[in-house]
Amino acid sequence: MRTTKVTIKASSLPMGSPLGIIILFGLLLDRLAAPGWVWGVVGTLALALVIEFIRQRTVGQEHDVPGFGELS
């Protein structure tokens, strides 16, 4: 399996988890009483975000940004 390069290492920048935005959209849809098909579309997009997030964290290769990160 080919590794992909992730531009910034986790020690240089906080991890961008999609959990917060998924919760936000879930609360918004609940508040607006969205129909079932909208829940399905948003749920499918949320699942795609989670899969891509997990793929980047497991397969991606991290690199430090010059001048940032852990001090030696």
PDB file of N, CA and C in Angstrom:
ATOM      1  N   MET A   1       0.837  -1.178   0.000  1.00  0.00           N
ATOM      2  CA  MET A   1       0.000   0.000   0.000  1.00  0.00           C
ATOM      3  C   MET A   1       0.882   1.242   0.000  1.00  0.00           C
ATOM      4  N   ARG A   2       0.548   2.203  -0.816  1.00  0.00           N
ATOM      5  CA  ARG A   2       1.338   3.418  -0.975  1.00  0.00           C
ATOM      6  C   ARG A   2       1.053   4.390   0.170  1.00  0.00           C
ATOM      7  N   THR A   3       2.097   5.023   0.721  1.00  0.00           N
ATOM      8  CA  THR A   3       1.913   6.012   1.772  1.00  0.00           C
ATOM      9  C   THR A   3       1.760   7.392   1.155  1.00  0.00           C
ATOM     10  N   THR A   4       0.915   8.190   1.769  1.00  0.00           N
ATOM     11  CA  THR A   4       0.726   9.561   1.305  1.00  0.00           C
ATOM     12  C   THR A   4       1.396  10.510   2.276  1.00  0.00           C
ATOM     13  N   LYS A   5       1.801  11.678   1.802  1.00  0.00           N
ATOM     14  CA  LYS A   5       2.464  12.649   2.656  1.00  0.00           C
ATOM     15  C   LYS A   5       1.441  13.631   3.217  1.00  0.00           C
ATOM     16  N   VAL A   6       1.429  13.736   4.530  1.00  0.00           N
ATOM     17  CA  VAL A   6       0.608  14.721   5.211  1.00  0.00           C
ATOM     18  C   VAL A   6       1.531  15.890   5.503  1.00  0.00           C
ATOM     19  N   THR A   7       1.098  17.097   5.225  1.00  0.00           N
ATOM     20  CA  THR A   7       2.014  18.225   5.235  1.00  0.00           C
ATOM     21  C   THR A   7       2.513  18.610   6.621  1.00  0.00           C
ATOM     22  N   ILE A   8       1.692  18.534   7.652  1.00  0.00           N
ATOM     23  CA  ILE A   8       2.103  19.021   8.969  1.00  0.00           C
ATOM     24  C   ILE A   8       1.994  17.896   9.987  1.00  0.00           C
ATOM     25  N   LYS A   9       3.025  17.717  10.791  1.00  0.00           N
ATOM     26  CA  LYS A   9       3.046  16.701  11.831  1.00  0.00           C
ATOM     27  C   LYS A   9       2.117  17.095  12.979  1.00  0.00           C
ATOM     28  N   ALA A  10       1.574  16.120  13.674  1.00  0.00           N
ATOM     29  CA  ALA A  10       0.628  16.382  14.756  1.00  0.00           C
ATOM     30  C   ALA A  10       1.245  17.194  15.888  1.00  0.00           C
ATOM     31  N   SER A  11       2.562  17.090  16.088  1.00  0.00           N
ATOM     32  CA  SER A  11       3.217  17.871  17.137  1.00  0.00           C
ATOM     33  C   SER A  11       3.302  19.346  16.750  1.00  0.00           C
ATOM     34  N   SER A  12       3.148  19.660  15.463  1.00  0.00           N
ATOM     35  CA  SER A  12       3.191  21.046  15.008  1.00  0.00           C
ATOM     36  C   SER A  12       1.816  21.692  14.983  1.00  0.00           C
ATOM     37  N   LEU A  13       0.773  20.913  14.845  1.00  0.00           N
ATOM     38  CA  LEU A  13      -0.585  21.437  14.721  1.00  0.00           C
ATOM     39  C   LEU A  13      -1.558  20.442  15.339  1.00  0.00           C
ATOM     40  N   PRO A  14      -2.569  20.922  16.059  1.00  0.00           N
ATOM     41  CA  PRO A  14      -3.544  19.984  16.638  1.00  0.00           C
ATOM     42  C   PRO A  14      -4.243  19.156  15.555  1.00  0.00           C
ATOM     43  N   MET A  15      -4.618  17.953  15.928  1.00  0.00           N
ATOM     44  CA  MET A  15      -5.271  17.038  15.012  1.00  0.00           C
ATOM     45  C   MET A  15      -6.655  17.568  14.630  1.00  0.00           C
ATOM     46  N   GLY A  16      -6.989  17.543  13.359  1.00  0.00           N
ATOM     47  CA  GLY A  16      -8.264  18.058  12.881  1.00  0.00           C
ATOM     48  C   GLY A  16      -9.327  16.976  12.805  1.00  0.00           C
ATOM     49  N   SER A  17      -9.867  16.580  13.935  1.00  0.00           N
ATOM     50  CA  SER A  17     -10.890  15.547  13.973  1.00  0.00           C
ATOM     51  C   SER A  17     -12.218  16.091  13.449  1.00  0.00           C
ATOM     52  N   PRO A  18     -12.942  15.308  12.652  1.00  0.00           N
ATOM     53  CA  PRO A  18     -14.220  15.768  12.129  1.00  0.00           C
ATOM     54  C   PRO A  18     -15.370  15.618  13.119  1.00  0.00           C
ATOM     55  N   LEU A  19     -15.104  15.165  14.334  1.00  0.00           N
ATOM     56  CA  LEU A  19     -16.164  14.903  15.299  1.00  0.00           C
ATOM     57  C   LEU A  19     -16.967  16.156  15.644  1.00  0.00           C
ATOM     58  N   GLY A  20     -16.300  17.279  15.838  1.00  0.00           N
ATOM     59  CA  GLY A  20     -17.006  18.509  16.209  1.00  0.00           C
ATOM     60  C   GLY A  20     -17.970  18.985  15.140  1.00  0.00           C
ATOM     61  N   ILE A  21     -17.546  18.969  13.895  1.00  0.00           N
ATOM     62  CA  ILE A  21     -18.411  19.423  12.810  1.00  0.00           C
ATOM     63  C   ILE A  21     -19.568  18.453  12.588  1.00  0.00           C
ATOM     64  N   ILE A  22     -19.336  17.163  12.806  1.00  0.00           N
ATOM     65  CA  ILE A  22     -20.418  16.178  12.670  1.00  0.00           C
ATOM     66  C   ILE A  22     -21.480  16.410  13.736  1.00  0.00           C
ATOM     67  N   ILE A  23     -21.051  16.657  14.961  1.00  0.00           N
ATOM     68  CA  ILE A  23     -22.001  16.942  16.042  1.00  0.00           C
ATOM     69  C   ILE A  23     -22.762  18.230  15.750  1.00  0.00           C
ATOM     70  N   LEU A  24     -22.067  19.251  15.279  1.00  0.00           N
ATOM     71  CA  LEU A  24     -22.703  20.527  14.965  1.00  0.00           C
ATOM     72  C   LEU A  24     -23.789  20.365  13.901  1.00  0.00           C
ATOM     73  N   PHE A  25     -23.480  19.656  12.818  1.00  0.00           N
ATOM     74  CA  PHE A  25     -24.476  19.460  11.770  1.00  0.00           C
ATOM     75  C   PHE A  25     -25.631  18.585  12.255  1.00  0.00           C
ATOM     76  N   GLY A  26     -25.354  17.613  13.112  1.00  0.00           N
ATOM     77  CA  GLY A  26     -26.426  16.794  13.676  1.00  0.00           C
ATOM     78  C   GLY A  26     -27.381  17.619  14.518  1.00  0.00           C
ATOM     79  N   LEU A  27     -26.836  18.501  15.345  1.00  0.00           N
ATOM     80  CA  LEU A  27     -27.691  19.375  16.159  1.00  0.00           C
ATOM     81  C   LEU A  27     -28.474  20.356  15.293  1.00  0.00           C
ATOM     82  N   LEU A  28     -27.844  20.870  14.237  1.00  0.00           N
ATOM     83  CA  LEU A  28     -28.532  21.788  13.332  1.00  0.00           C
ATOM     84  C   LEU A  28     -29.681  21.095  12.605  1.00  0.00           C
ATOM     85  N   LEU A  29     -29.447  19.896  12.103  1.00  0.00           N
ATOM     86  CA  LEU A  29     -30.510  19.161  11.423  1.00  0.00           C
ATOM     87  C   LEU A  29     -31.652  18.826  12.365  1.00  0.00           C
ATOM     88  N   ASP A  30     -31.327  18.496  13.611  1.00  0.00           N
ATOM     89  CA  ASP A  30     -32.361  18.209  14.593  1.00  0.00           C
ATOM     90  C   ASP A  30     -33.183  19.458  14.891  1.00  0.00           C
ATOM     91  N   ARG A  31     -32.515  20.576  15.024  1.00  0.00           N
ATOM     92  CA  ARG A  31     -33.192  21.844  15.314  1.00  0.00           C
ATOM     93  C   ARG A  31     -34.110  22.265  14.168  1.00  0.00           C
ATOM     94  N   LEU A  32     -33.667  22.045  12.931  1.00  0.00           N
ATOM     95  CA  LEU A  32     -34.457  22.437  11.763  1.00  0.00           C
ATOM     96  C   LEU A  32     -35.486  21.382  11.352  1.00  0.00           C
ATOM     97  N   ALA A  33     -35.529  20.262  12.069  1.00  0.00           N
ATOM     98  CA  ALA A  33     -36.445  19.160  11.766  1.00  0.00           C
ATOM     99  C   ALA A  33     -36.302  18.736  10.304  1.00  0.00           C
ATOM    100  N   ALA A  34     -35.082  18.453   9.923  1.00  0.00           N
ATOM    101  CA  ALA A  34     -34.776  18.082   8.542  1.00  0.00           C
ATOM    102  C   ALA A  34     -35.417  16.741   8.186  1.00  0.00           C
ATOM    103  N   PRO A  35     -35.828  16.586   6.928  1.00  0.00           N
ATOM    104  CA  PRO A  35     -36.398  15.302   6.499  1.00  0.00           C
ATOM    105  C   PRO A  35     -35.342  14.195   6.477  1.00  0.00           C
ATOM    106  N   GLY A  36     -35.809  12.973   6.363  1.00  0.00           N
ATOM    107  CA  GLY A  36     -34.928  11.817   6.428  1.00  0.00           C
ATOM    108  C   GLY A  36     -33.868  11.773   5.350  1.00  0.00           C
ATOM    109  N   TRP A  37     -34.182  12.229   4.145  1.00  0.00           N
ATOM    110  CA  TRP A  37     -33.200  12.170   3.074  1.00  0.00           C
ATOM    111  C   TRP A  37     -32.029  13.110   3.344  1.00  0.00           C
ATOM    112  N   VAL A  38     -32.291  14.249   4.021  1.00  0.00           N
ATOM    113  CA  VAL A  38     -31.201  15.172   4.372  1.00  0.00           C
ATOM    114  C   VAL A  38     -30.299  14.520   5.408  1.00  0.00           C
ATOM    115  N   TRP A  39     -30.882  13.819   6.373  1.00  0.00           N
ATOM    116  CA  TRP A  39     -30.089  13.089   7.362  1.00  0.00           C
ATOM    117  C   TRP A  39     -29.213  12.050   6.672  1.00  0.00           C
ATOM    118  N   GLY A  40     -29.765  11.392   5.658  1.00  0.00           N
ATOM    119  CA  GLY A  40     -28.997  10.389   4.929  1.00  0.00           C
ATOM    120  C   GLY A  40     -27.821  10.986   4.176  1.00  0.00           C
ATOM    121  N   VAL A  41     -28.046  12.137   3.525  1.00  0.00           N
ATOM    122  CA  VAL A  41     -26.965  12.792   2.782  1.00  0.00           C
ATOM    123  C   VAL A  41     -25.873  13.262   3.729  1.00  0.00           C
ATOM    124  N   VAL A  42     -26.263  13.925   4.816  1.00  0.00           N
ATOM    125  CA  VAL A  42     -25.281  14.421   5.784  1.00  0.00           C
ATOM    126  C   VAL A  42     -24.571  13.253   6.467  1.00  0.00           C
ATOM    127  N   GLY A  43     -25.291  12.186   6.757  1.00  0.00           N
ATOM    128  CA  GLY A  43     -24.674  11.009   7.365  1.00  0.00           C
ATOM    129  C   GLY A  43     -23.659  10.352   6.443  1.00  0.00           C
ATOM    130  N   THR A  44     -23.970  10.314   5.149  1.00  0.00           N
ATOM    131  CA  THR A  44     -23.034   9.749   4.179  1.00  0.00           C
ATOM    132  C   THR A  44     -21.772  10.598   4.080  1.00  0.00           C
ATOM    133  N   LEU A  45     -21.930  11.919   4.040  1.00  0.00           N
ATOM    134  CA  LEU A  45     -20.768  12.806   4.010  1.00  0.00           C
ATOM    135  C   LEU A  45     -19.948  12.706   5.299  1.00  0.00           C
ATOM    136  N   ALA A  46     -20.628  12.576   6.434  1.00  0.00           N
ATOM    137  CA  ALA A  46     -19.930  12.430   7.712  1.00  0.00           C
ATOM    138  C   ALA A  46     -19.125  11.129   7.733  1.00  0.00           C
ATOM    139  N   LEU A  47     -19.708  10.068   7.216  1.00  0.00           N
ATOM    140  CA  LEU A  47     -19.002   8.791   7.160  1.00  0.00           C
ATOM    141  C   LEU A  47     -17.773   8.887   6.258  1.00  0.00           C
ATOM    142  N   ALA A  48     -17.904   9.587   5.135  1.00  0.00           N
ATOM    143  CA  ALA A  48     -16.762   9.777   4.240  1.00  0.00           C
ATOM    144  C   ALA A  48     -15.662  10.581   4.936  1.00  0.00           C
ATOM    145  N   LEU A  49     -16.033  11.602   5.714  1.00  0.00           N
ATOM    146  CA  LEU A  49     -15.040  12.384   6.471  1.00  0.00           C
ATOM    147  C   LEU A  49     -14.315  11.519   7.491  1.00  0.00           C
ATOM    148  N   VAL A  50     -15.051  10.693   8.197  1.00  0.00           N
ATOM    149  CA  VAL A  50     -14.439   9.835   9.220  1.00  0.00           C
ATOM    150  C   VAL A  50     -13.507   8.813   8.578  1.00  0.00           C
ATOM    151  N   ILE A  51     -13.918   8.229   7.469  1.00  0.00           N
ATOM    152  CA  ILE A  51     -13.066   7.247   6.785  1.00  0.00           C
ATOM    153  C   ILE A  51     -11.779   7.904   6.299  1.00  0.00           C
ATOM    154  N   GLU A  52     -11.886   9.085   5.704  1.00  0.00           N
ATOM    155  CA  GLU A  52     -10.690   9.783   5.228  1.00  0.00           C
ATOM    156  C   GLU A  52      -9.787  10.199   6.390  1.00  0.00           C
ATOM    157  N   PHE A  53     -10.380  10.633   7.501  1.00  0.00           N
ATOM    158  CA  PHE A  53      -9.602  11.000   8.684  1.00  0.00           C
ATOM    159  C   PHE A  53      -8.820   9.795   9.213  1.00  0.00           C
ATOM    160  N   ILE A  54      -9.476   8.663   9.318  1.00  0.00           N
ATOM    161  CA  ILE A  54      -8.807   7.449   9.817  1.00  0.00           C
ATOM    162  C   ILE A  54      -7.727   7.001   8.838  1.00  0.00           C
ATOM    163  N   ARG A  55      -7.999   7.099   7.523  1.00  0.00           N
ATOM    164  CA  ARG A  55      -7.009   6.717   6.519  1.00  0.00           C
ATOM    165  C   ARG A  55      -5.764   7.595   6.605  1.00  0.00           C
ATOM    166  N   GLN A  56      -5.959   8.898   6.781  1.00  0.00           N
ATOM    167  CA  GLN A  56      -4.807   9.793   6.886  1.00  0.00           C
ATOM    168  C   GLN A  56      -4.007   9.539   8.156  1.00  0.00           C
ATOM    169  N   ARG A  57      -4.677   9.226   9.245  1.00  0.00           N
ATOM    170  CA  ARG A  57      -3.964   8.987  10.505  1.00  0.00           C
ATOM    171  C   ARG A  57      -3.214   7.661  10.495  1.00  0.00           C
ATOM    172  N   THR A  58      -3.690   6.672   9.742  1.00  0.00           N
ATOM    173  CA  THR A  58      -3.039   5.363   9.764  1.00  0.00           C
ATOM    174  C   THR A  58      -2.034   5.192   8.636  1.00  0.00           C
ATOM    175  N   VAL A  59      -2.320   5.686   7.433  1.00  0.00           N
ATOM    176  CA  VAL A  59      -1.480   5.456   6.266  1.00  0.00           C
ATOM    177  C   VAL A  59      -0.583   6.651   5.972  1.00  0.00           C
ATOM    178  N   GLY A  60      -1.017   7.844   6.326  1.00  0.00           N
ATOM    179  CA  GLY A  60      -0.276   9.056   5.979  1.00  0.00           C
ATOM    180  C   GLY A  60       1.074   9.152   6.667  1.00  0.00           C
ATOM    181  N   GLN A  61       1.986   9.816   6.021  1.00  0.00           N
ATOM    182  CA  GLN A  61       3.326  10.027   6.560  1.00  0.00           C
ATOM    183  C   GLN A  61       3.430  11.484   6.999  1.00  0.00           C
ATOM    184  N   GLU A  62       3.814  11.727   8.246  1.00  0.00           N
ATOM    185  CA  GLU A  62       3.848  13.063   8.818  1.00  0.00           C
ATOM    186  C   GLU A  62       5.226  13.692   8.695  1.00  0.00           C
ATOM    187  N   HIS A  63       5.248  15.001   8.485  1.00  0.00           N
ATOM    188  CA  HIS A  63       6.489  15.754   8.379  1.00  0.00           C
ATOM    189  C   HIS A  63       6.384  16.997   9.244  1.00  0.00           C
ATOM    190  N   ASP A  64       7.483  17.337   9.931  1.00  0.00           N
ATOM    191  CA  ASP A  64       7.519  18.564  10.728  1.00  0.00           C
ATOM    192  C   ASP A  64       7.617  19.778   9.833  1.00  0.00           C
ATOM    193  N   VAL A  65       7.016  20.858  10.289  1.00  0.00           N
ATOM    194  CA  VAL A  65       7.172  22.135   9.615  1.00  0.00           C
ATOM    195  C   VAL A  65       8.479  22.743  10.125  1.00  0.00           C
ATOM    196  N   PRO A  66       9.345  23.240   9.260  1.00  0.00           N
ATOM    197  CA  PRO A  66      10.622  23.795   9.724  1.00  0.00           C
ATOM    198  C   PRO A  66      10.398  24.946  10.714  1.00  0.00           C
ATOM    199  N   GLY A  67      11.039  24.842  11.866  1.00  0.00           N
ATOM    200  CA  GLY A  67      10.927  25.887  12.883  1.00  0.00           C
ATOM    201  C   GLY A  67       9.847  25.652  13.911  1.00  0.00           C
ATOM    202  N   PHE A  68       9.031  24.607  13.745  1.00  0.00           N
ATOM    203  CA  PHE A  68       7.962  24.295  14.679  1.00  0.00           C
ATOM    204  C   PHE A  68       8.086  22.859  15.143  1.00  0.00           C
ATOM    205  N   GLY A  69       7.253  22.472  16.068  1.00  0.00           N
ATOM    206  CA  GLY A  69       7.240  21.082  16.534  1.00  0.00           C
ATOM    207  C   GLY A  69       8.047  20.925  17.805  1.00  0.00           C
ATOM    208  N   GLU A  70       8.404  19.683  18.071  1.00  0.00           N
ATOM    209  CA  GLU A  70       9.140  19.369  19.290  1.00  0.00           C
ATOM    210  C   GLU A  70      10.556  19.934  19.216  1.00  0.00           C
ATOM    211  N   LEU A  71      10.973  20.528  20.331  1.00  0.00           N
ATOM    212  CA  LEU A  71      12.324  21.074  20.408  1.00  0.00           C
ATOM    213  C   LEU A  71      13.307  19.967  20.755  1.00  0.00           C
ATOM    214  N   SER A  72      14.482  19.996  20.181  1.00  0.00           N
ATOM    215  CA  SER A  72      15.482  18.960  20.489  1.00  0.00           C
ATOM    216  C   SER A  72      16.504  19.442  21.468  1.00  0.00           C
TER     217      SER A  72
END
